[in-house]
Protein backbone atom coordinates (compact mmCIF):
# COMPACT_ATOMS: atom_id res chain seq x y z
CA MET A 1 37.18 -29.55 -24.47
CA ARG A 2 34.24 -29.15 -26.50
CA ARG A 3 33.38 -25.55 -27.45
CA PRO A 4 30.16 -24.38 -26.99
CA LEU A 5 27.63 -23.97 -30.09
CA LEU A 6 27.22 -20.18 -29.65
CA PRO A 7 29.95 -19.11 -27.44
CA GLY A 8 28.90 -15.51 -26.94
CA LEU A 9 25.24 -16.53 -26.17
CA ALA A 10 26.80 -18.94 -23.24
CA ALA A 11 29.11 -16.38 -22.33
CA ALA A 12 26.12 -13.87 -21.65
CA PHE A 13 24.09 -16.40 -20.01
CA SER A 14 26.73 -17.36 -17.75
CA ARG A 15 27.07 -14.01 -16.61
CA ILE A 16 23.25 -13.39 -15.96
CA LEU A 17 22.94 -16.23 -13.80
CA ALA A 18 26.18 -15.00 -12.07
CA ARG A 19 24.60 -11.93 -11.15
CA PRO A 20 21.05 -11.13 -12.95
CA PRO A 21 20.94 -7.44 -14.22
CA ARG A 22 19.29 -5.02 -11.88
CA ALA A 23 16.22 -5.12 -14.29
CA LEU A 24 15.33 -8.73 -13.37
CA TRP A 25 15.67 -7.40 -9.61
CA ALA A 26 13.51 -4.76 -10.36
CA VAL A 27 10.76 -6.85 -11.95
CA ALA A 28 10.94 -9.19 -9.09
CA ALA A 29 10.68 -6.43 -6.63
CA LEU A 30 7.22 -5.11 -8.69
CA ALA A 31 6.18 -8.90 -8.67
CA TRP A 32 6.79 -9.48 -5.10
CA ALA A 33 5.28 -5.95 -4.13
CA ALA A 34 1.95 -7.01 -6.57
CA LEU A 35 1.65 -10.60 -4.87
CA ILE A 36 1.64 -8.54 -1.31
CA PHE A 37 -1.26 -6.23 -2.73
CA ALA A 38 -3.08 -9.25 -4.20
CA LEU A 39 -3.10 -11.18 -0.60
CA SER A 40 -3.80 -7.79 1.29
CA ALA A 41 -6.76 -7.46 -1.01
CA LYS A 42 -8.85 -10.50 0.03
CA PRO A 43 -11.75 -9.63 2.23
CA GLY A 44 -11.48 -10.66 6.08
CA ASP A 45 -13.81 -13.39 6.99
CA PRO A 46 -15.18 -12.35 10.78
CA ALA A 47 -17.49 -15.78 10.51
CA ALA A 48 -14.12 -18.00 10.69
CA PRO A 49 -12.02 -16.88 13.49
CA MET A 50 -8.63 -17.65 13.31
CA THR A 51 -7.07 -20.20 16.31
CA TYR A 52 -4.20 -19.00 18.05
CA LEU A 53 -1.47 -20.61 16.08
CA GLU A 54 -3.25 -19.49 12.73
CA ARG A 55 -2.98 -15.77 13.90
CA LEU A 56 0.34 -16.31 15.04
CA LEU A 57 1.75 -17.58 11.71
CA HIS A 58 -0.38 -15.07 9.93
CA ASN A 59 1.30 -12.22 11.83
CA ALA A 60 4.76 -13.84 11.66
CA ALA A 61 4.55 -14.02 7.91
CA HIS A 62 4.87 -10.00 7.59
CA ALA A 63 8.41 -10.64 8.36
CA PRO A 64 10.17 -12.71 5.51
CA VAL A 65 7.33 -11.74 3.07
CA TYR A 66 8.87 -8.27 3.67
CA GLY A 67 12.55 -9.24 3.89
CA VAL A 68 12.20 -10.94 0.43
CA LEU A 69 11.30 -7.75 -0.75
CA ALA A 70 13.97 -5.64 0.86
CA VAL A 71 16.22 -7.78 -0.84
CA PHE A 72 15.01 -7.57 -3.97
CA LEU A 73 14.96 -4.14 -3.45
CA LEU A 74 18.28 -3.86 -2.57
CA LEU A 75 19.75 -5.97 -5.71
CA ALA A 76 17.66 -3.53 -7.83
CA LEU A 77 19.40 -0.82 -6.54
CA SER A 78 22.77 -2.08 -6.13
CA PRO A 79 25.39 -0.26 -8.12
CA LYS A 80 26.45 -2.20 -11.49
CA ASN A 81 30.19 -1.82 -11.12
CA THR A 82 30.19 -3.29 -7.40
CA GLY A 83 30.91 -7.30 -7.28
CA GLU A 84 29.05 -7.45 -3.85
CA PRO A 85 25.55 -7.94 -4.02
CA ALA A 86 24.69 -6.10 -0.63
CA PRO A 87 26.21 -2.85 -0.75
CA GLY A 88 25.64 -0.61 2.55
CA GLY A 89 24.90 3.24 3.33
CA ARG A 90 22.37 5.04 1.00
CA THR A 91 21.50 2.04 -0.96
CA PHE A 92 20.54 0.18 1.93
CA ALA A 93 19.16 2.82 3.69
CA LEU A 94 16.98 3.76 0.50
CA ALA A 95 15.75 -0.38 0.34
CA LEU A 96 14.61 0.18 3.61
CA ALA A 97 12.95 3.33 3.29
CA LEU A 98 11.15 2.07 -0.26
CA VAL A 99 10.10 -1.25 2.35
CA LEU A 100 8.73 0.97 4.95
CA ALA A 101 6.61 3.19 2.55
CA TYR A 102 5.23 0.12 0.96
CA ALA A 103 4.28 -1.25 4.36
CA ILE A 104 2.41 1.66 4.93
CA SER A 105 0.49 1.86 1.99
CA ASP A 106 -0.28 -2.12 2.13
CA GLU A 107 -1.59 -1.60 5.52
CA TRP A 108 -3.84 1.81 4.23
CA HIS A 109 -4.64 -0.76 1.30
CA GLN A 110 -6.09 -3.30 4.30
CA HIS A 111 -7.91 -0.78 6.34
CA LEU A 112 -10.03 -0.01 3.02
CA VAL A 113 -10.72 -4.00 2.39
CA PRO A 114 -14.13 -4.95 4.04
CA GLY A 115 -12.73 -7.17 6.97
CA ARG A 116 -9.79 -6.09 7.16
CA ALA A 117 -8.00 -3.85 9.54
CA ALA A 118 -4.36 -1.39 9.13
CA SER A 119 -2.08 -2.22 12.06
CA VAL A 120 1.15 0.14 13.22
CA ILE A 121 2.24 -3.50 14.67
CA ASP A 122 2.20 -4.97 11.44
CA VAL A 123 4.14 -2.26 9.72
CA ALA A 124 6.93 -2.84 12.69
CA THR A 125 7.00 -6.40 11.80
CA ASP A 126 7.36 -5.95 8.26
CA LEU A 127 10.55 -3.26 8.66
CA PHE A 128 11.78 -5.78 11.30
CA GLY A 129 11.59 -8.60 8.86
CA ALA A 130 13.24 -6.02 5.64
CA GLY A 131 16.22 -5.03 8.21
CA ALA A 132 16.46 -8.71 8.98
CA GLY A 133 16.57 -9.83 5.03
CA LEU A 134 18.78 -6.84 4.31
CA ALA A 135 21.42 -7.38 7.37
CA LEU A 136 21.37 -11.00 6.49
CA LEU A 137 22.38 -10.65 2.91
CA ARG A 138 25.14 -8.38 3.94
CA TRP A 139 26.36 -11.14 6.17
CA VAL A 140 26.35 -13.47 3.88
CA PHE A 141 28.25 -11.80 0.93
CA GLY A 142 29.69 -8.65 2.87
CA ALA A 143 32.25 -9.09 5.02
CA GLY A 144 30.61 -11.86 7.61
CA ASP A 145 31.16 -10.19 10.96
CA ARG A 146 29.82 -11.00 13.89
CA ALA A 147 28.21 -7.55 14.00
CA GLY A 148 26.40 -8.07 10.96
CA LEU A 149 25.13 -11.54 12.20
CA ALA A 150 23.92 -9.69 15.41
CA VAL A 151 22.05 -7.06 13.36
CA ALA A 152 20.41 -9.61 11.48
CA LEU A 153 19.41 -12.03 15.09
CA GLY A 154 18.14 -8.72 16.35
CA ALA A 155 15.88 -7.57 13.47
CA ILE A 156 14.86 -11.36 13.43
CA ALA A 157 13.75 -11.25 17.21
CA GLY A 158 12.42 -8.03 16.93
CA GLY A 159 10.32 -9.25 14.27
CA ALA A 160 9.30 -11.99 16.21
CA ALA A 161 8.51 -10.08 19.38
CA THR A 162 6.08 -7.79 16.94
CA SER A 163 4.11 -11.06 15.65
CA LEU A 164 3.95 -12.21 19.37
CA LEU A 165 2.27 -8.73 20.53
CA ALA A 166 0.12 -8.59 17.55
CA THR A 167 -1.07 -12.17 18.08
CA GLY A 168 -2.00 -10.78 21.61
CA GLY A 169 -1.74 -14.51 23.38
CA PRO A 170 -4.42 -17.52 23.16
CA GLY A 171 -7.37 -15.20 24.27
CA GLY A 172 -6.41 -12.32 21.95
CA ILE A 173 -5.82 -8.40 22.58
């Protein structure tokens, strides 16, 4: 068997790939939040109305975008001494609370952008997406029980329902 040139470096790199440090997840969360902010800063164009399908996809995109943010935050907040990347309890609740606070601030930001508006329904879709992302992470890396999967599927269904509500049907609201 061939030995690596720098065994210490190879072992460290292997550990990083197996479980990146919390700081890396924190940077990923900040970068993802910055991307959300940049997308929210784009002015709306009332002269170019969206079709029903475009509105539906735009509204539905909130859920997975905030699901990813929630997963990054949870991994950044996870205790170092746990092998499980999806702890429950306070860390789970804190990640959801941070996503909720960011979703509210993002809608406030959109309220200030010309041609954009704030929406409570978007905040609800964001929160459902965050819950779905965290529940799926917990289900995959946690116990893998049916209750966890049911929570994840319920959150996905809630996000889909709020997206449909925000879209308002083919004729709009």
